[in-house]
Amino acid sequence: MALVKKIGSISTLLNQSFLDSLSSQVQTDLSFDNLTELAKNYRSADKVVKETHLQGHGKELNGQDMEVMHKKELQ
């Protein structure tokens, strides 16, 4: 949700350091036009999306750090 809120600002989209930071952490095959369209369509998503929190514990699985939740927590 923080990313949706931050991307909603035109000044953010034009901020080169933000774009550099994002591009170093995200990999996609979407074009710039695809991303622009997504940003336009989801600009107001923060008004209708409900957030929740799951309690889990960190664990390394197959060389990847994961957050693991108990089945009861997921239900």
PDB file of N, CA and C in Angstrom:
ATOM      1  N   MET A   1       0.824  -1.191   0.000  1.00  0.00           N
ATOM      2  CA  MET A   1       0.000   0.000   0.000  1.00  0.00           C
ATOM      3  C   MET A   1       0.864   1.249   0.000  1.00  0.00           C
ATOM      4  N   ALA A   2       2.001   1.196   0.689  1.00  0.00           N
ATOM      5  CA  ALA A   2       2.889   2.353   0.701  1.00  0.00           C
ATOM      6  C   ALA A   2       3.377   2.658  -0.707  1.00  0.00           C
ATOM      7  N   LEU A   3       3.669   1.619  -1.470  1.00  0.00           N
ATOM      8  CA  LEU A   3       4.135   1.816  -2.842  1.00  0.00           C
ATOM      9  C   LEU A   3       3.027   2.405  -3.707  1.00  0.00           C
ATOM     10  N   VAL A   4       1.794   1.911  -3.545  1.00  0.00           N
ATOM     11  CA  VAL A   4       0.662   2.451  -4.306  1.00  0.00           C
ATOM     12  C   VAL A   4       0.488   3.929  -3.993  1.00  0.00           C
ATOM     13  N   LYS A   5       0.554   4.287  -2.707  1.00  0.00           N
ATOM     14  CA  LYS A   5       0.402   5.693  -2.321  1.00  0.00           C
ATOM     15  C   LYS A   5       1.534   6.547  -2.880  1.00  0.00           C
ATOM     16  N   LYS A   6       2.753   6.037  -2.826  1.00  0.00           N
ATOM     17  CA  LYS A   6       3.906   6.804  -3.293  1.00  0.00           C
ATOM     18  C   LYS A   6       3.882   6.970  -4.813  1.00  0.00           C
ATOM     19  N   ILE A   7       3.485   5.937  -5.532  1.00  0.00           N
ATOM     20  CA  ILE A   7       3.445   6.012  -6.991  1.00  0.00           C
ATOM     21  C   ILE A   7       2.335   6.949  -7.459  1.00  0.00           C
ATOM     22  N   GLY A   8       1.323   7.165  -6.648  1.00  0.00           N
ATOM     23  CA  GLY A   8       0.218   8.038  -7.014  1.00  0.00           C
ATOM     24  C   GLY A   8       0.637   9.470  -7.267  1.00  0.00           C
ATOM     25  N   SER A   9       1.813   9.844  -6.831  1.00  0.00           N
ATOM     26  CA  SER A   9       2.299  11.199  -6.996  1.00  0.00           C
ATOM     27  C   SER A   9       3.125  11.320  -8.271  1.00  0.00           C
ATOM     28  N   ILE A  10       2.803  12.295  -9.102  1.00  0.00           N
ATOM     29  CA  ILE A  10       3.554  12.527 -10.338  1.00  0.00           C
ATOM     30  C   ILE A  10       5.009  12.864 -10.020  1.00  0.00           C
ATOM     31  N   SER A  11       5.232  13.633  -8.946  1.00  0.00           N
ATOM     32  CA  SER A  11       6.609  13.996  -8.596  1.00  0.00           C
ATOM     33  C   SER A  11       7.433  12.757  -8.268  1.00  0.00           C
ATOM     34  N   THR A  12       6.788  11.732  -7.711  1.00  0.00           N
ATOM     35  CA  THR A  12       7.494  10.477  -7.430  1.00  0.00           C
ATOM     36  C   THR A  12       7.882   9.779  -8.719  1.00  0.00           C
ATOM     37  N   LEU A  13       6.958   9.750  -9.686  1.00  0.00           N
ATOM     38  CA  LEU A  13       7.238   9.094 -10.954  1.00  0.00           C
ATOM     39  C   LEU A  13       8.373   9.776 -11.718  1.00  0.00           C
ATOM     40  N   LEU A  14       8.581  11.051 -11.462  1.00  0.00           N
ATOM     41  CA  LEU A  14       9.637  11.796 -12.147  1.00  0.00           C
ATOM     42  C   LEU A  14      10.922  11.857 -11.331  1.00  0.00           C
ATOM     43  N   ASN A  15      10.927  11.266 -10.140  1.00  0.00           N
ATOM     44  CA  ASN A  15      12.089  11.304  -9.259  1.00  0.00           C
ATOM     45  C   ASN A  15      13.051  10.187  -9.646  1.00  0.00           C
ATOM     46  N   GLN A  16      14.199  10.570 -10.184  1.00  0.00           N
ATOM     47  CA  GLN A  16      15.150   9.582 -10.707  1.00  0.00           C
ATOM     48  C   GLN A  16      15.679   8.655  -9.616  1.00  0.00           C
ATOM     49  N   SER A  17      15.947   9.166  -8.404  1.00  0.00           N
ATOM     50  CA  SER A  17      16.477   8.296  -7.347  1.00  0.00           C
ATOM     51  C   SER A  17      15.439   7.254  -6.928  1.00  0.00           C
ATOM     52  N   PHE A  18      14.151   7.626  -6.918  1.00  0.00           N
ATOM     53  CA  PHE A  18      13.094   6.665  -6.611  1.00  0.00           C
ATOM     54  C   PHE A  18      13.040   5.578  -7.691  1.00  0.00           C
ATOM     55  N   LEU A  19      13.084   5.997  -8.954  1.00  0.00           N
ATOM     56  CA  LEU A  19      13.039   5.036 -10.056  1.00  0.00           C
ATOM     57  C   LEU A  19      14.246   4.109 -10.040  1.00  0.00           C
ATOM     58  N   ASP A  20      15.433   4.659  -9.737  1.00  0.00           N
ATOM     59  CA  ASP A  20      16.639   3.830  -9.663  1.00  0.00           C
ATOM     60  C   ASP A  20      16.520   2.806  -8.534  1.00  0.00           C
ATOM     61  N   SER A  21      16.012   3.247  -7.385  1.00  0.00           N
ATOM     62  CA  SER A  21      15.840   2.356  -6.243  1.00  0.00           C
ATOM     63  C   SER A  21      14.857   1.240  -6.578  1.00  0.00           C
ATOM     64  N   LEU A  22      13.750   1.602  -7.186  1.00  0.00           N
ATOM     65  CA  LEU A  22      12.726   0.631  -7.543  1.00  0.00           C
ATOM     66  C   LEU A  22      13.245  -0.352  -8.594  1.00  0.00           C
ATOM     67  N   SER A  23      13.944   0.160  -9.597  1.00  0.00           N
ATOM     68  CA  SER A  23      14.400  -0.711 -10.682  1.00  0.00           C
ATOM     69  C   SER A  23      15.467  -1.694 -10.218  1.00  0.00           C
ATOM     70  N   SER A  24      16.211  -1.345  -9.171  1.00  0.00           N
ATOM     71  CA  SER A  24      17.223  -2.274  -8.680  1.00  0.00           C
ATOM     72  C   SER A  24      16.615  -3.395  -7.839  1.00  0.00           C
ATOM     73  N   GLN A  25      15.344  -3.254  -7.449  1.00  0.00           N
ATOM     74  CA  GLN A  25      14.703  -4.240  -6.584  1.00  0.00           C
ATOM     75  C   GLN A  25      13.562  -4.991  -7.265  1.00  0.00           C
ATOM     76  N   VAL A  26      13.177  -4.565  -8.461  1.00  0.00           N
ATOM     77  CA  VAL A  26      12.023  -5.147  -9.144  1.00  0.00           C
ATOM     78  C   VAL A  26      12.430  -5.567 -10.550  1.00  0.00           C
ATOM     79  N   GLN A  27      11.946  -6.724 -10.961  1.00  0.00           N
ATOM     80  CA  GLN A  27      12.207  -7.185 -12.323  1.00  0.00           C
ATOM     81  C   GLN A  27      10.865  -7.508 -12.953  1.00  0.00           C
ATOM     82  N   THR A  28      10.612  -6.998 -14.159  1.00  0.00           N
ATOM     83  CA  THR A  28       9.334  -7.217 -14.824  1.00  0.00           C
ATOM     84  C   THR A  28       9.513  -7.207 -16.335  1.00  0.00           C
ATOM     85  N   ASP A  29       8.540  -7.784 -17.031  1.00  0.00           N
ATOM     86  CA  ASP A  29       8.540  -7.706 -18.481  1.00  0.00           C
ATOM     87  C   ASP A  29       7.479  -6.719 -18.967  1.00  0.00           C
ATOM     88  N   LEU A  30       6.886  -5.955 -18.026  1.00  0.00           N
ATOM     89  CA  LEU A  30       5.910  -4.938 -18.399  1.00  0.00           C
ATOM     90  C   LEU A  30       6.618  -3.744 -19.027  1.00  0.00           C
ATOM     91  N   SER A  31       5.985  -3.153 -20.028  1.00  0.00           N
ATOM     92  CA  SER A  31       6.549  -1.965 -20.665  1.00  0.00           C
ATOM     93  C   SER A  31       6.244  -0.741 -19.797  1.00  0.00           C
ATOM     94  N   PHE A  32       6.901   0.373 -20.107  1.00  0.00           N
ATOM     95  CA  PHE A  32       6.631   1.617 -19.380  1.00  0.00           C
ATOM     96  C   PHE A  32       5.159   1.998 -19.529  1.00  0.00           C
ATOM     97  N   ASP A  33       4.601   1.815 -20.736  1.00  0.00           N
ATOM     98  CA  ASP A  33       3.182   2.119 -20.963  1.00  0.00           C
ATOM     99  C   ASP A  33       2.280   1.232 -20.101  1.00  0.00           C
ATOM    100  N   ASN A  34       2.630  -0.056 -19.972  1.00  0.00           N
ATOM    101  CA  ASN A  34       1.868  -0.964 -19.108  1.00  0.00           C
ATOM    102  C   ASN A  34       1.894  -0.469 -17.670  1.00  0.00           C
ATOM    103  N   LEU A  35       3.082  -0.095 -17.194  1.00  0.00           N
ATOM    104  CA  LEU A  35       3.234   0.374 -15.816  1.00  0.00           C
ATOM    105  C   LEU A  35       2.485   1.676 -15.581  1.00  0.00           C
ATOM    106  N   THR A  36       2.518   2.566 -16.567  1.00  0.00           N
ATOM    107  CA  THR A  36       1.787   3.831 -16.458  1.00  0.00           C
ATOM    108  C   THR A  36       0.290   3.573 -16.353  1.00  0.00           C
ATOM    109  N   GLU A  37      -0.211   2.662 -17.171  1.00  0.00           N
ATOM    110  CA  GLU A  37      -1.640   2.317 -17.144  1.00  0.00           C
ATOM    111  C   GLU A  37      -2.026   1.710 -15.795  1.00  0.00           C
ATOM    112  N   LEU A  38      -1.182   0.819 -15.271  1.00  0.00           N
ATOM    113  CA  LEU A  38      -1.442   0.237 -13.953  1.00  0.00           C
ATOM    114  C   LEU A  38      -1.495   1.321 -12.875  1.00  0.00           C
ATOM    115  N   ALA A  39      -0.549   2.229 -12.924  1.00  0.00           N
ATOM    116  CA  ALA A  39      -0.510   3.307 -11.932  1.00  0.00           C
ATOM    117  C   ALA A  39      -1.781   4.142 -11.992  1.00  0.00           C
ATOM    118  N   LYS A  40      -2.250   4.449 -13.209  1.00  0.00           N
ATOM    119  CA  LYS A  40      -3.484   5.237 -13.358  1.00  0.00           C
ATOM    120  C   LYS A  40      -4.693   4.477 -12.809  1.00  0.00           C
ATOM    121  N   ASN A  41      -4.777   3.193 -13.131  1.00  0.00           N
ATOM    122  CA  ASN A  41      -5.934   2.395 -12.724  1.00  0.00           C
ATOM    123  C   ASN A  41      -5.984   2.136 -11.221  1.00  0.00           C
ATOM    124  N   TYR A  42      -4.836   2.074 -10.565  1.00  0.00           N
ATOM    125  CA  TYR A  42      -4.800   1.735  -9.146  1.00  0.00           C
ATOM    126  C   TYR A  42      -4.486   2.922  -8.244  1.00  0.00           C
ATOM    127  N   ARG A  43      -4.533   4.117  -8.798  1.00  0.00           N
ATOM    128  CA  ARG A  43      -4.224   5.322  -8.026  1.00  0.00           C
ATOM    129  C   ARG A  43      -5.127   5.452  -6.796  1.00  0.00           C
ATOM    130  N   SER A  44      -6.369   5.068  -6.920  1.00  0.00           N
ATOM    131  CA  SER A  44      -7.305   5.211  -5.801  1.00  0.00           C
ATOM    132  C   SER A  44      -7.465   3.921  -4.996  1.00  0.00           C
ATOM    133  N   ALA A  45      -6.633   2.929  -5.229  1.00  0.00           N
ATOM    134  CA  ALA A  45      -6.759   1.631  -4.553  1.00  0.00           C
ATOM    135  C   ALA A  45      -6.622   1.751  -3.041  1.00  0.00           C
ATOM    136  N   ASP A  46      -5.844   2.705  -2.561  1.00  0.00           N
ATOM    137  CA  ASP A  46      -5.642   2.820  -1.114  1.00  0.00           C
ATOM    138  C   ASP A  46      -6.933   3.158  -0.373  1.00  0.00           C
ATOM    139  N   LYS A  47      -7.964   3.586  -1.084  1.00  0.00           N
ATOM    140  CA  LYS A  47      -9.242   3.922  -0.442  1.00  0.00           C
ATOM    141  C   LYS A  47     -10.137   2.692  -0.249  1.00  0.00           C
ATOM    142  N   VAL A  48      -9.874   1.616  -1.002  1.00  0.00           N
ATOM    143  CA  VAL A  48     -10.757   0.453  -0.944  1.00  0.00           C
ATOM    144  C   VAL A  48     -10.066  -0.836  -0.503  1.00  0.00           C
ATOM    145  N   VAL A  49      -8.753  -0.852  -0.447  1.00  0.00           N
ATOM    146  CA  VAL A  49      -8.022  -2.056  -0.055  1.00  0.00           C
ATOM    147  C   VAL A  49      -7.949  -2.132   1.462  1.00  0.00           C
ATOM    148  N   LYS A  50      -8.264  -3.304   2.001  1.00  0.00           N
ATOM    149  CA  LYS A  50      -8.167  -3.518   3.440  1.00  0.00           C
ATOM    150  C   LYS A  50      -6.881  -4.263   3.742  1.00  0.00           C
ATOM    151  N   GLU A  51      -6.179  -3.829   4.767  1.00  0.00           N
ATOM    152  CA  GLU A  51      -4.924  -4.448   5.149  1.00  0.00           C
ATOM    153  C   GLU A  51      -5.132  -5.352   6.356  1.00  0.00           C
ATOM    154  N   THR A  52      -4.292  -6.365   6.478  1.00  0.00           N
ATOM    155  CA  THR A  52      -4.322  -7.250   7.624  1.00  0.00           C
ATOM    156  C   THR A  52      -2.892  -7.644   7.964  1.00  0.00           C
ATOM    157  N   HIS A  53      -2.739  -8.353   9.046  1.00  0.00           N
ATOM    158  CA  HIS A  53      -1.402  -8.733   9.489  1.00  0.00           C
ATOM    159  C   HIS A  53      -1.412 -10.204   9.879  1.00  0.00           C
ATOM    160  N   LEU A  54      -0.423 -10.932   9.401  1.00  0.00           N
ATOM    161  CA  LEU A  54      -0.262 -12.326   9.785  1.00  0.00           C
ATOM    162  C   LEU A  54       0.976 -12.455  10.655  1.00  0.00           C
ATOM    163  N   GLN A  55       0.895 -13.254  11.677  1.00  0.00           N
ATOM    164  CA  GLN A  55       2.033 -13.480  12.568  1.00  0.00           C
ATOM    165  C   GLN A  55       2.740 -14.756  12.160  1.00  0.00           C
ATOM    166  N   GLY A  56       4.011 -14.655  11.864  1.00  0.00           N
ATOM    167  CA  GLY A  56       4.783 -15.817  11.474  1.00  0.00           C
ATOM    168  C   GLY A  56       6.185 -15.736  12.034  1.00  0.00           C
ATOM    169  N   HIS A  57       7.075 -16.517  11.464  1.00  0.00           N
ATOM    170  CA  HIS A  57       8.470 -16.481  11.888  1.00  0.00           C
ATOM    171  C   HIS A  57       9.364 -16.630  10.653  1.00  0.00           C
ATOM    172  N   GLY A  58      10.540 -16.003  10.704  1.00  0.00           N
ATOM    173  CA  GLY A  58      11.468 -16.064   9.594  1.00  0.00           C
ATOM    174  C   GLY A  58      12.149 -17.419   9.511  1.00  0.00           C
ATOM    175  N   LYS A  59      12.355 -17.889   8.285  1.00  0.00           N
ATOM    176  CA  LYS A  59      13.010 -19.179   8.073  1.00  0.00           C
ATOM    177  C   LYS A  59      13.662 -19.158   6.696  1.00  0.00           C
ATOM    178  N   GLU A  60      14.788 -19.843   6.581  1.00  0.00           N
ATOM    179  CA  GLU A  60      15.436 -19.958   5.278  1.00  0.00           C
ATOM    180  C   GLU A  60      15.026 -21.281   4.646  1.00  0.00           C
ATOM    181  N   LEU A  61      14.456 -21.206   3.445  1.00  0.00           N
ATOM    182  CA  LEU A  61      14.017 -22.383   2.703  1.00  0.00           C
ATOM    183  C   LEU A  61      14.647 -22.348   1.316  1.00  0.00           C
ATOM    184  N   ASN A  62      15.398 -23.375   0.985  1.00  0.00           N
ATOM    185  CA  ASN A  62      16.048 -23.455  -0.331  1.00  0.00           C
ATOM    186  C   ASN A  62      16.874 -22.215  -0.641  1.00  0.00           C
ATOM    187  N   GLY A  63      17.558 -21.681   0.365  1.00  0.00           N
ATOM    188  CA  GLY A  63      18.413 -20.519   0.163  1.00  0.00           C
ATOM    189  C   GLY A  63      17.675 -19.192   0.095  1.00  0.00           C
ATOM    190  N   GLN A  64      16.373 -19.194   0.360  1.00  0.00           N
ATOM    191  CA  GLN A  64      15.562 -17.974   0.314  1.00  0.00           C
ATOM    192  C   GLN A  64      14.997 -17.697   1.699  1.00  0.00           C
ATOM    193  N   ASP A  65      15.046 -16.440   2.121  1.00  0.00           N
ATOM    194  CA  ASP A  65      14.431 -16.060   3.391  1.00  0.00           C
ATOM    195  C   ASP A  65      12.931 -15.942   3.185  1.00  0.00           C
ATOM    196  N   MET A  66      12.187 -16.600   4.045  1.00  0.00           N
ATOM    197  CA  MET A  66      10.719 -16.620   3.954  1.00  0.00           C
ATOM    198  C   MET A  66      10.120 -16.263   5.300  1.00  0.00           C
ATOM    199  N   GLU A  67       8.883 -15.798   5.272  1.00  0.00           N
ATOM    200  CA  GLU A  67       8.102 -15.615   6.480  1.00  0.00           C
ATOM    201  C   GLU A  67       7.086 -16.758   6.486  1.00  0.00           C
ATOM    202  N   VAL A  68       7.164 -17.626   7.501  1.00  0.00           N
ATOM    203  CA  VAL A  68       6.337 -18.826   7.550  1.00  0.00           C
ATOM    204  C   VAL A  68       5.245 -18.637   8.611  1.00  0.00           C
ATOM    205  N   MET A  69       3.997 -18.914   8.219  1.00  0.00           N
ATOM    206  CA  MET A  69       2.868 -18.805   9.135  1.00  0.00           C
ATOM    207  C   MET A  69       2.316 -20.192   9.431  1.00  0.00           C
ATOM    208  N   HIS A  70       1.796 -20.375  10.626  1.00  0.00           N
ATOM    209  CA  HIS A  70       1.119 -21.623  10.964  1.00  0.00           C
ATOM    210  C   HIS A  70      -0.193 -21.691  10.211  1.00  0.00           C
ATOM    211  N   LYS A  71      -0.626 -22.892   9.894  1.00  0.00           N
ATOM    212  CA  LYS A  71      -1.861 -23.091   9.132  1.00  0.00           C
ATOM    213  C   LYS A  71      -3.047 -22.394   9.810  1.00  0.00           C
ATOM    214  N   LYS A  72      -3.092 -22.461  11.137  1.00  0.00           N
ATOM    215  CA  LYS A  72      -4.195 -21.828  11.886  1.00  0.00           C
ATOM    216  C   LYS A  72      -4.222 -20.318  11.630  1.00  0.00           C
ATOM    217  N   GLU A  73      -3.055 -19.701  11.560  1.00  0.00           N
ATOM    218  CA  GLU A  73      -2.967 -18.256  11.307  1.00  0.00           C
ATOM    219  C   GLU A  73      -3.464 -17.926   9.904  1.00  0.00           C
ATOM    220  N   LEU A  74      -3.144 -18.758   8.935  1.00  0.00           N
ATOM    221  CA  LEU A  74      -3.569 -18.525   7.562  1.00  0.00           C
ATOM    222  C   LEU A  74      -5.087 -18.656   7.406  1.00  0.00           C
ATOM    223  N   GLN A  75      -5.677 -19.590   8.171  1.00  0.00           N
ATOM    224  CA  GLN A  75      -7.129 -19.793   8.084  1.00  0.00           C
ATOM    225  C   GLN A  75      -7.855 -18.624   8.700  1.00  0.00           C
TER     226      GLN A  75
END
